[in-house]
């Protein structure tokens, strides 16, 4: 399942960017709509290593989202980020983070068979990818096939698997690592915001117990994510989100094993809501 986080969150930026100059972790994102390229392109090998290690060893944020309808958790439209918000995102940091948010929302909508909205969310995610300086991946890889099968989950998943194969070259490089990390952060925040928000008031039962277990395990994921983010603490626009995630990590540390208590779930959700609010607003 880890393939799925990369395919949607990074492919739209990387696969069709053969002629795009690289972005490195010591270059601050432009506050304007264009992406500035550094005059030199040094590799941050430690950040690159941490990124690869992280995506190989953690579950995809998409995985837990696909479990929600299977666990008989009611769909809540109000939790997804409105596509109307896309015009607010004028910095590369906000664009990267919210690209991650929107692709998780896409999985949530698709998993719950809200296909009419899936189309608009694909369009929104595509516009963000394009504004980050890359060619239109949806036309290049998915093309009309996606358009013709927008209400067929199995076909959409096959398209996703094909897109993943295009990611291998990127995963072995350091190109646009900062943006890729921002997308990963946005995806993780949204997946946890949706999941914790949906289960925090639910009674644990056989149908949903796996969700509770997976949320409890996310402390490990966040620990590894924070370790990666230490390589980007000099990024002015990104640093506030890194600090928030460190504070969230302290909450996850309160879980000492076994079932996660509702009181802790509520505290985690409150912090997630605060962080997510800063991302999408």
C-alpha atoms as a PDB file:
ATOM      1  CA  UNK A   1       0.000   0.000   0.000  1.00  0.00           C
ATOM      2  CA  UNK A   2       2.941   2.361   0.423  1.00  0.00           C
ATOM      3  CA  UNK A   3       2.946   2.646  -3.319  1.00  0.00           C
ATOM      4  CA  UNK A   4      -0.306   4.542  -3.188  1.00  0.00           C
ATOM      5  CA  UNK A   5       0.984   7.469  -1.197  1.00  0.00           C
ATOM      6  CA  UNK A   6       3.720   8.093  -3.684  1.00  0.00           C
ATOM      7  CA  UNK A   7       1.762   7.572  -6.817  1.00  0.00           C
ATOM      8  CA  UNK A   8      -0.747  10.359  -6.280  1.00  0.00           C
ATOM      9  CA  UNK A   9       1.184  12.646  -3.997  1.00  0.00           C
ATOM     10  CA  UNK A  10       4.410  12.880  -5.959  1.00  0.00           C
ATOM     11  CA  UNK A  11       3.811  11.588  -9.460  1.00  0.00           C
ATOM     12  CA  UNK A  12       1.947  14.645 -10.583  1.00  0.00           C
ATOM     13  CA  UNK A  13       5.014  16.656  -9.726  1.00  0.00           C
ATOM     14  CA  UNK A  14       7.813  14.365 -10.799  1.00  0.00           C
ATOM     15  CA  UNK A  15       6.999  11.953 -13.576  1.00  0.00           C
ATOM     16  CA  UNK A  16       6.455  14.469 -16.318  1.00  0.00           C
ATOM     17  CA  UNK A  17       9.072  16.920 -15.107  1.00  0.00           C
ATOM     18  CA  UNK A  18      12.008  15.670 -17.108  1.00  0.00           C
ATOM     19  CA  UNK A  19      12.969  19.225 -17.996  1.00  0.00           C
ATOM     20  CA  UNK A  20      12.254  20.773 -14.588  1.00  0.00           C
ATOM     21  CA  UNK A  21      15.235  21.906 -12.511  1.00  0.00           C
ATOM     22  CA  UNK A  22      15.675  20.360  -9.109  1.00  0.00           C
ATOM     23  CA  UNK A  23      14.562  21.792  -5.788  1.00  0.00           C
ATOM     24  CA  UNK A  24      16.815  21.194  -2.807  1.00  0.00           C
ATOM     25  CA  UNK A  25      16.200  21.213   0.916  1.00  0.00           C
ATOM     26  CA  UNK A  26      18.265  24.345   1.510  1.00  0.00           C
ATOM     27  CA  UNK A  27      16.300  26.499  -0.932  1.00  0.00           C
ATOM     28  CA  UNK A  28      13.352  28.489   0.388  1.00  0.00           C
ATOM     29  CA  UNK A  29      10.164  28.193  -1.651  1.00  0.00           C
ATOM     30  CA  UNK A  30       9.086  31.233  -3.610  1.00  0.00           C
ATOM     31  CA  UNK A  31       6.088  33.022  -2.098  1.00  0.00           C
ATOM     32  CA  UNK A  32       4.773  33.546  -5.622  1.00  0.00           C
ATOM     33  CA  UNK A  33       3.120  31.153  -8.018  1.00  0.00           C
ATOM     34  CA  UNK A  34       6.335  30.302  -9.817  1.00  0.00           C
ATOM     35  CA  UNK A  35       8.922  27.833  -8.586  1.00  0.00           C
ATOM     36  CA  UNK A  36      12.439  29.185  -8.375  1.00  0.00           C
ATOM     37  CA  UNK A  37      15.341  26.942  -9.289  1.00  0.00           C
ATOM     38  CA  UNK A  38      18.630  27.225  -7.431  1.00  0.00           C
ATOM     39  CA  UNK A  39      21.767  28.157  -9.308  1.00  0.00           C
ATOM     40  CA  UNK A  40      23.445  25.087  -7.870  1.00  0.00           C
ATOM     41  CA  UNK A  41      21.909  21.718  -7.177  1.00  0.00           C
ATOM     42  CA  UNK A  42      23.634  20.084  -4.211  1.00  0.00           C
ATOM     43  CA  UNK A  43      22.168  16.801  -3.003  1.00  0.00           C
ATOM     44  CA  UNK A  44      21.074  16.351   0.582  1.00  0.00           C
ATOM     45  CA  UNK A  45      21.973  12.688   0.917  1.00  0.00           C
ATOM     46  CA  UNK A  46      20.796  12.382   4.532  1.00  0.00           C
ATOM     47  CA  UNK A  47      17.357  13.830   3.747  1.00  0.00           C
ATOM     48  CA  UNK A  48      17.133  11.622   0.679  1.00  0.00           C
ATOM     49  CA  UNK A  49      18.004   8.539   2.764  1.00  0.00           C
ATOM     50  CA  UNK A  50      15.458   9.432   5.453  1.00  0.00           C
ATOM     51  CA  UNK A  51      12.752  10.022   2.846  1.00  0.00           C
ATOM     52  CA  UNK A  52      13.315   6.668   1.187  1.00  0.00           C
ATOM     53  CA  UNK A  53      13.500   4.854   4.516  1.00  0.00           C
ATOM     54  CA  UNK A  54      10.277   6.494   5.664  1.00  0.00           C
ATOM     55  CA  UNK A  55       8.152   5.651   2.642  1.00  0.00           C
ATOM     56  CA  UNK A  56       9.439   2.085   2.568  1.00  0.00           C
ATOM     57  CA  UNK A  57       8.721   1.370   6.231  1.00  0.00           C
ATOM     58  CA  UNK A  58       5.427   3.101   6.971  1.00  0.00           C
ATOM     59  CA  UNK A  59       1.898   2.254   5.843  1.00  0.00           C
ATOM     60  CA  UNK A  60       0.331   4.485   3.255  1.00  0.00           C
ATOM     61  CA  UNK A  61      -1.974   7.215   4.582  1.00  0.00           C
ATOM     62  CA  UNK A  62      -4.359   5.944   1.909  1.00  0.00           C
ATOM     63  CA  UNK A  63      -4.539   2.517   3.527  1.00  0.00           C
ATOM     64  CA  UNK A  64      -6.377   3.656   6.618  1.00  0.00           C
ATOM     65  CA  UNK A  65      -8.765   5.798   4.551  1.00  0.00           C
ATOM     66  CA  UNK A  66      -9.886   2.827   2.458  1.00  0.00           C
ATOM     67  CA  UNK A  67     -10.715   0.954   5.671  1.00  0.00           C
ATOM     68  CA  UNK A  68     -13.260   3.548   6.792  1.00  0.00           C
ATOM     69  CA  UNK A  69     -16.239   2.419   4.675  1.00  0.00           C
ATOM     70  CA  UNK A  70     -15.290  -1.227   5.208  1.00  0.00           C
ATOM     71  CA  UNK A  71     -15.542  -0.570   8.953  1.00  0.00           C
ATOM     72  CA  UNK A  72     -19.070   0.793   8.563  1.00  0.00           C
ATOM     73  CA  UNK A  73     -17.954   4.310   9.506  1.00  0.00           C
ATOM     74  CA  UNK A  74     -20.512   6.808   8.136  1.00  0.00           C
ATOM     75  CA  UNK A  75     -19.281   9.217   5.463  1.00  0.00           C
ATOM     76  CA  UNK A  76     -19.016  12.876   6.484  1.00  0.00           C
ATOM     77  CA  UNK A  77     -18.772  15.341   3.634  1.00  0.00           C
ATOM     78  CA  UNK A  78     -17.845  18.244   5.894  1.00  0.00           C
ATOM     79  CA  UNK A  79     -14.459  16.773   6.753  1.00  0.00           C
ATOM     80  CA  UNK A  80     -12.872  17.093   3.305  1.00  0.00           C
ATOM     81  CA  UNK A  81     -11.123  20.244   2.163  1.00  0.00           C
ATOM     82  CA  UNK A  82     -13.315  22.291  -0.148  1.00  0.00           C
ATOM     83  CA  UNK A  83     -12.019  22.628  -3.697  1.00  0.00           C
ATOM     84  CA  UNK A  84     -12.899  26.317  -3.453  1.00  0.00           C
ATOM     85  CA  UNK A  85      -9.967  26.759  -1.079  1.00  0.00           C
ATOM     86  CA  UNK A  86      -7.435  26.053  -3.815  1.00  0.00           C
ATOM     87  CA  UNK A  87      -7.216  29.732  -4.765  1.00  0.00           C
ATOM     88  CA  UNK A  88      -5.798  30.501  -1.314  1.00  0.00           C
ATOM     89  CA  UNK A  89      -2.646  28.472  -1.898  1.00  0.00           C
ATOM     90  CA  UNK A  90      -0.095  30.855  -3.388  1.00  0.00           C
ATOM     91  CA  UNK A  91       3.179  29.567  -1.951  1.00  0.00           C
ATOM     92  CA  UNK A  92       4.876  26.353  -2.977  1.00  0.00           C
ATOM     93  CA  UNK A  93       4.696  25.146   0.639  1.00  0.00           C
ATOM     94  CA  UNK A  94       0.918  25.564   0.788  1.00  0.00           C
ATOM     95  CA  UNK A  95       0.524  24.052  -2.660  1.00  0.00           C
ATOM     96  CA  UNK A  96       2.586  21.004  -1.762  1.00  0.00           C
ATOM     97  CA  UNK A  97       0.846  20.446   1.570  1.00  0.00           C
ATOM     98  CA  UNK A  98      -2.622  20.828   0.110  1.00  0.00           C
ATOM     99  CA  UNK A  99      -1.865  18.655  -2.865  1.00  0.00           C
ATOM    100  CA  UNK A 100      -1.278  15.954  -0.256  1.00  0.00           C
ATOM    101  CA  UNK A 101      -4.549  16.898   1.450  1.00  0.00           C
ATOM    102  CA  UNK A 102      -6.578  16.735  -1.746  1.00  0.00           C
ATOM    103  CA  UNK A 103      -5.270  13.347  -2.874  1.00  0.00           C
ATOM    104  CA  UNK A 104      -6.241  11.834   0.492  1.00  0.00           C
ATOM    105  CA  UNK A 105      -9.660  13.455   0.131  1.00  0.00           C
ATOM    106  CA  UNK A 106      -9.835  11.847  -3.307  1.00  0.00           C
ATOM    107  CA  UNK A 107      -9.283   8.413  -1.793  1.00  0.00           C
ATOM    108  CA  UNK A 108     -11.873   9.120   0.892  1.00  0.00           C
ATOM    109  CA  UNK A 109     -14.464  10.235  -1.671  1.00  0.00           C
ATOM    110  CA  UNK A 110     -13.706   7.368  -4.039  1.00  0.00           C
ATOM    111  CA  UNK A 111     -13.777   4.746  -1.278  1.00  0.00           C
ATOM    112  CA  UNK A 112     -17.226   5.998  -0.339  1.00  0.00           C
ATOM    113  CA  UNK A 113     -18.295   6.086  -4.009  1.00  0.00           C
ATOM    114  CA  UNK A 114     -18.868   9.832  -4.206  1.00  0.00           C
ATOM    115  CA  UNK A 115     -17.795   9.744  -7.834  1.00  0.00           C
ATOM    116  CA  UNK A 116     -19.329  13.063  -8.884  1.00  0.00           C
ATOM    117  CA  UNK A 117     -16.982  14.824  -6.471  1.00  0.00           C
ATOM    118  CA  UNK A 118     -14.002  12.645  -7.387  1.00  0.00           C
ATOM    119  CA  UNK A 119     -13.918  14.310 -10.789  1.00  0.00           C
ATOM    120  CA  UNK A 120     -13.732  17.826  -9.354  1.00  0.00           C
ATOM    121  CA  UNK A 121     -11.073  16.818  -6.828  1.00  0.00           C
ATOM    122  CA  UNK A 122      -8.930  15.313  -9.567  1.00  0.00           C
ATOM    123  CA  UNK A 123      -9.203  18.597 -11.431  1.00  0.00           C
ATOM    124  CA  UNK A 124      -8.219  20.567  -8.327  1.00  0.00           C
ATOM    125  CA  UNK A 125      -5.262  18.327  -7.533  1.00  0.00           C
ATOM    126  CA  UNK A 126      -4.150  18.560 -11.149  1.00  0.00           C
ATOM    127  CA  UNK A 127      -4.258  22.349 -11.082  1.00  0.00           C
ATOM    128  CA  UNK A 128      -2.038  22.396  -7.988  1.00  0.00           C
ATOM    129  CA  UNK A 129       0.436  20.012  -9.586  1.00  0.00           C
ATOM    130  CA  UNK A 130       0.595  22.175 -12.678  1.00  0.00           C
ATOM    131  CA  UNK A 131       1.077  25.373 -10.672  1.00  0.00           C
ATOM    132  CA  UNK A 132       4.052  23.769  -8.936  1.00  0.00           C
ATOM    133  CA  UNK A 133       5.860  23.791 -12.265  1.00  0.00           C
ATOM    134  CA  UNK A 134       5.143  20.395 -13.804  1.00  0.00           C
ATOM    135  CA  UNK A 135       3.333  19.129 -16.866  1.00  0.00           C
ATOM    136  CA  UNK A 136      -0.167  17.764 -16.586  1.00  0.00           C
ATOM    137  CA  UNK A 137       0.316  14.231 -15.343  1.00  0.00           C
ATOM    138  CA  UNK A 138      -3.340  13.307 -15.580  1.00  0.00           C
ATOM    139  CA  UNK A 139      -3.404  13.795 -19.345  1.00  0.00           C
ATOM    140  CA  UNK A 140      -0.014  12.126 -19.826  1.00  0.00           C
ATOM    141  CA  UNK A 141      -0.719   8.962 -17.837  1.00  0.00           C
ATOM    142  CA  UNK A 142      -4.402   8.667 -16.998  1.00  0.00           C
ATOM    143  CA  UNK A 143      -5.796  10.620 -19.929  1.00  0.00           C
ATOM    144  CA  UNK A 144      -9.313   9.803 -21.139  1.00  0.00           C
ATOM    145  CA  UNK A 145      -9.128   6.401 -19.464  1.00  0.00           C
ATOM    146  CA  UNK A 146      -9.700   8.043 -16.112  1.00  0.00           C
ATOM    147  CA  UNK A 147     -12.483  10.204 -17.502  1.00  0.00           C
ATOM    148  CA  UNK A 148     -14.259   7.175 -18.958  1.00  0.00           C
ATOM    149  CA  UNK A 149     -13.996   5.122 -15.783  1.00  0.00           C
ATOM    150  CA  UNK A 150     -14.438   7.730 -13.092  1.00  0.00           C
ATOM    151  CA  UNK A 151     -17.145   5.658 -11.381  1.00  0.00           C
ATOM    152  CA  UNK A 152     -15.244   2.354 -11.386  1.00  0.00           C
ATOM    153  CA  UNK A 153     -12.983   1.920  -8.390  1.00  0.00           C
ATOM    154  CA  UNK A 154     -11.212  -1.170  -9.724  1.00  0.00           C
ATOM    155  CA  UNK A 155     -10.208   0.568 -12.944  1.00  0.00           C
ATOM    156  CA  UNK A 156      -9.089   3.658 -11.078  1.00  0.00           C
ATOM    157  CA  UNK A 157      -6.868   1.454  -8.902  1.00  0.00           C
ATOM    158  CA  UNK A 158      -5.326  -0.134 -11.983  1.00  0.00           C
ATOM    159  CA  UNK A 159      -4.528   3.316 -13.346  1.00  0.00           C
ATOM    160  CA  UNK A 160      -2.934   4.151 -10.003  1.00  0.00           C
ATOM    161  CA  UNK A 161      -0.759   1.017 -10.146  1.00  0.00           C
ATOM    162  CA  UNK A 162       0.436   1.972 -13.624  1.00  0.00           C
ATOM    163  CA  UNK A 163       1.290   5.467 -12.462  1.00  0.00           C
ATOM    164  CA  UNK A 164       3.383   4.012  -9.641  1.00  0.00           C
ATOM    165  CA  UNK A 165       5.776   2.358 -12.054  1.00  0.00           C
ATOM    166  CA  UNK A 166       6.743   5.820 -13.259  1.00  0.00           C
ATOM    167  CA  UNK A 167       7.938   6.721  -9.774  1.00  0.00           C
ATOM    168  CA  UNK A 168      11.003   4.479  -9.598  1.00  0.00           C
ATOM    169  CA  UNK A 169      13.369   6.996 -11.138  1.00  0.00           C
ATOM    170  CA  UNK A 170      12.161   9.688  -8.798  1.00  0.00           C
ATOM    171  CA  UNK A 171      12.535   7.517  -5.696  1.00  0.00           C
ATOM    172  CA  UNK A 172      16.197   7.001  -6.572  1.00  0.00           C
ATOM    173  CA  UNK A 173      16.855  10.718  -6.919  1.00  0.00           C
ATOM    174  CA  UNK A 174      16.852  13.822  -4.761  1.00  0.00           C
ATOM    175  CA  UNK A 175      14.842  15.886  -7.223  1.00  0.00           C
ATOM    176  CA  UNK A 176      12.164  18.073  -5.639  1.00  0.00           C
ATOM    177  CA  UNK A 177      12.638  16.350  -2.299  1.00  0.00           C
ATOM    178  CA  UNK A 178      11.326  19.314  -0.333  1.00  0.00           C
ATOM    179  CA  UNK A 179       8.063  19.426  -2.282  1.00  0.00           C
ATOM    180  CA  UNK A 180       7.722  15.647  -2.096  1.00  0.00           C
ATOM    181  CA  UNK A 181       8.120  15.850   1.677  1.00  0.00           C
ATOM    182  CA  UNK A 182       5.520  18.594   1.940  1.00  0.00           C
ATOM    183  CA  UNK A 183       3.083  16.439  -0.023  1.00  0.00           C
ATOM    184  CA  UNK A 184       3.804  13.504   2.271  1.00  0.00           C
ATOM    185  CA  UNK A 185       3.180  15.680   5.329  1.00  0.00           C
ATOM    186  CA  UNK A 186      -0.082  17.005   3.910  1.00  0.00           C
ATOM    187  CA  UNK A 187      -1.219  13.478   3.095  1.00  0.00           C
ATOM    188  CA  UNK A 188      -0.383  12.175   6.559  1.00  0.00           C
ATOM    189  CA  UNK A 189      -2.089  15.069   8.339  1.00  0.00           C
ATOM    190  CA  UNK A 190      -5.272  14.681   6.290  1.00  0.00           C
ATOM    191  CA  UNK A 191      -5.442  10.908   6.697  1.00  0.00           C
ATOM    192  CA  UNK A 192      -5.133  11.203  10.467  1.00  0.00           C
ATOM    193  CA  UNK A 193      -7.506  14.167  10.668  1.00  0.00           C
ATOM    194  CA  UNK A 194     -10.194  12.222   8.802  1.00  0.00           C
ATOM    195  CA  UNK A 195      -9.672   8.943  10.625  1.00  0.00           C
ATOM    196  CA  UNK A 196      -9.389  10.258  14.170  1.00  0.00           C
ATOM    197  CA  UNK A 197     -12.257  12.656  13.544  1.00  0.00           C
ATOM    198  CA  UNK A 198     -14.461   9.772  12.421  1.00  0.00           C
ATOM    199  CA  UNK A 199     -13.640   7.258  15.166  1.00  0.00           C
ATOM    200  CA  UNK A 200     -13.150   9.452  18.230  1.00  0.00           C
ATOM    201  CA  UNK A 201     -16.844   9.234  19.169  1.00  0.00           C
ATOM    202  CA  UNK A 202     -17.350   5.663  17.953  1.00  0.00           C
ATOM    203  CA  UNK A 203     -17.573   2.658  20.234  1.00  0.00           C
ATOM    204  CA  UNK A 204     -14.897   0.119  19.435  1.00  0.00           C
ATOM    205  CA  UNK A 205     -16.284  -3.085  17.915  1.00  0.00           C
ATOM    206  CA  UNK A 206     -15.212  -5.926  15.640  1.00  0.00           C
ATOM    207  CA  UNK A 207     -15.913  -3.887  12.526  1.00  0.00           C
ATOM    208  CA  UNK A 208     -13.793  -0.890  13.432  1.00  0.00           C
ATOM    209  CA  UNK A 209     -11.207  -2.206  15.895  1.00  0.00           C
ATOM    210  CA  UNK A 210      -8.508  -2.261  13.203  1.00  0.00           C
ATOM    211  CA  UNK A 211      -8.900   1.492  12.766  1.00  0.00           C
ATOM    212  CA  UNK A 212      -8.286   2.060  16.474  1.00  0.00           C
ATOM    213  CA  UNK A 213      -5.197  -0.137  16.292  1.00  0.00           C
ATOM    214  CA  UNK A 214      -3.810   1.680  13.284  1.00  0.00           C
ATOM    215  CA  UNK A 215      -4.343   5.113  14.828  1.00  0.00           C
ATOM    216  CA  UNK A 216      -2.485   3.947  17.933  1.00  0.00           C
ATOM    217  CA  UNK A 217       0.414   2.832  15.725  1.00  0.00           C
ATOM    218  CA  UNK A 218       0.728   6.210  14.012  1.00  0.00           C
ATOM    219  CA  UNK A 219       2.955   7.460  16.811  1.00  0.00           C
ATOM    220  CA  UNK A 220       5.754   5.425  15.219  1.00  0.00           C
ATOM    221  CA  UNK A 221       5.034   6.911  11.797  1.00  0.00           C
ATOM    222  CA  UNK A 222       5.055  10.428  13.205  1.00  0.00           C
ATOM    223  CA  UNK A 223       8.356   9.783  14.976  1.00  0.00           C
ATOM    224  CA  UNK A 224       9.983   8.838  11.666  1.00  0.00           C
ATOM    225  CA  UNK A 225       8.323  11.741   9.897  1.00  0.00           C
ATOM    226  CA  UNK A 226       9.657  14.236  12.442  1.00  0.00           C
ATOM    227  CA  UNK A 227      13.140  12.778  12.005  1.00  0.00           C
ATOM    228  CA  UNK A 228      12.879  13.473   8.286  1.00  0.00           C
ATOM    229  CA  UNK A 229      11.548  16.981   8.841  1.00  0.00           C
ATOM    230  CA  UNK A 230      14.604  17.920  10.891  1.00  0.00           C
ATOM    231  CA  UNK A 231      16.419  18.177   7.556  1.00  0.00           C
ATOM    232  CA  UNK A 232      14.079  20.997   6.496  1.00  0.00           C
ATOM    233  CA  UNK A 233      13.900  23.132   9.623  1.00  0.00           C
ATOM    234  CA  UNK A 234      15.605  26.057   7.877  1.00  0.00           C
ATOM    235  CA  UNK A 235      12.670  26.344   5.470  1.00  0.00           C
ATOM    236  CA  UNK A 236      10.843  29.457   6.716  1.00  0.00           C
ATOM    237  CA  UNK A 237       7.384  28.597   5.384  1.00  0.00           C
ATOM    238  CA  UNK A 238       7.620  24.948   6.381  1.00  0.00           C
ATOM    239  CA  UNK A 239       9.093  25.322   9.875  1.00  0.00           C
ATOM    240  CA  UNK A 240       5.813  26.221  11.690  1.00  0.00           C
ATOM    241  CA  UNK A 241       4.230  22.965  10.531  1.00  0.00           C
ATOM    242  CA  UNK A 242       7.288  21.021  11.650  1.00  0.00           C
ATOM    243  CA  UNK A 243       7.025  22.530  15.137  1.00  0.00           C
ATOM    244  CA  UNK A 244       3.332  21.641  15.310  1.00  0.00           C
ATOM    245  CA  UNK A 245       4.050  18.041  14.371  1.00  0.00           C
ATOM    246  CA  UNK A 246       6.663  17.810  17.112  1.00  0.00           C
ATOM    247  CA  UNK A 247       4.016  18.889  19.618  1.00  0.00           C
ATOM    248  CA  UNK A 248       1.603  16.328  18.196  1.00  0.00           C
ATOM    249  CA  UNK A 249       4.288  13.686  18.613  1.00  0.00           C
ATOM    250  CA  UNK A 250       4.311  14.349  22.356  1.00  0.00           C
ATOM    251  CA  UNK A 251       0.610  13.493  22.499  1.00  0.00           C
ATOM    252  CA  UNK A 252       1.118  10.183  20.719  1.00  0.00           C
ATOM    253  CA  UNK A 253       3.816   9.375  23.273  1.00  0.00           C
ATOM    254  CA  UNK A 254       1.135   9.388  25.958  1.00  0.00           C
ATOM    255  CA  UNK A 255      -0.145   6.125  24.517  1.00  0.00           C
ATOM    256  CA  UNK A 256       1.537   3.337  26.465  1.00  0.00           C
ATOM    257  CA  UNK A 257       0.236   0.390  24.493  1.00  0.00           C
ATOM    258  CA  UNK A 258      -3.004  -1.508  24.256  1.00  0.00           C
ATOM    259  CA  UNK A 259      -6.245   0.231  23.360  1.00  0.00           C
ATOM    260  CA  UNK A 260      -5.981   3.957  22.812  1.00  0.00           C
ATOM    261  CA  UNK A 261      -8.260   5.792  25.247  1.00  0.00           C
ATOM    262  CA  UNK A 262     -10.982   8.118  24.011  1.00  0.00           C
ATOM    263  CA  UNK A 263      -9.624  10.983  26.108  1.00  0.00           C
ATOM    264  CA  UNK A 264      -6.296  10.734  24.275  1.00  0.00           C
ATOM    265  CA  UNK A 265      -8.056  10.429  20.924  1.00  0.00           C
ATOM    266  CA  UNK A 266      -9.876  13.667  21.678  1.00  0.00           C
ATOM    267  CA  UNK A 267      -6.613  15.460  22.511  1.00  0.00           C
ATOM    268  CA  UNK A 268      -4.955  14.139  19.364  1.00  0.00           C
ATOM    269  CA  UNK A 269      -7.899  15.232  17.247  1.00  0.00           C
ATOM    270  CA  UNK A 270      -7.877  18.725  18.731  1.00  0.00           C
ATOM    271  CA  UNK A 271      -4.205  19.120  17.839  1.00  0.00           C
ATOM    272  CA  UNK A 272      -4.694  17.591  14.393  1.00  0.00           C
ATOM    273  CA  UNK A 273      -7.554  20.006  13.764  1.00  0.00           C
ATOM    274  CA  UNK A 274      -5.351  22.945  14.714  1.00  0.00           C
ATOM    275  CA  UNK A 275      -2.533  21.830  12.422  1.00  0.00           C
ATOM    276  CA  UNK A 276      -4.837  20.932   9.575  1.00  0.00           C
ATOM    277  CA  UNK A 277      -6.549  24.312   9.906  1.00  0.00           C
ATOM    278  CA  UNK A 278      -3.217  26.034   9.372  1.00  0.00           C
ATOM    279  CA  UNK A 279      -2.624  23.887   6.300  1.00  0.00           C
ATOM    280  CA  UNK A 280      -5.920  24.402   4.495  1.00  0.00           C
ATOM    281  CA  UNK A 281      -6.721  27.997   5.489  1.00  0.00           C
END
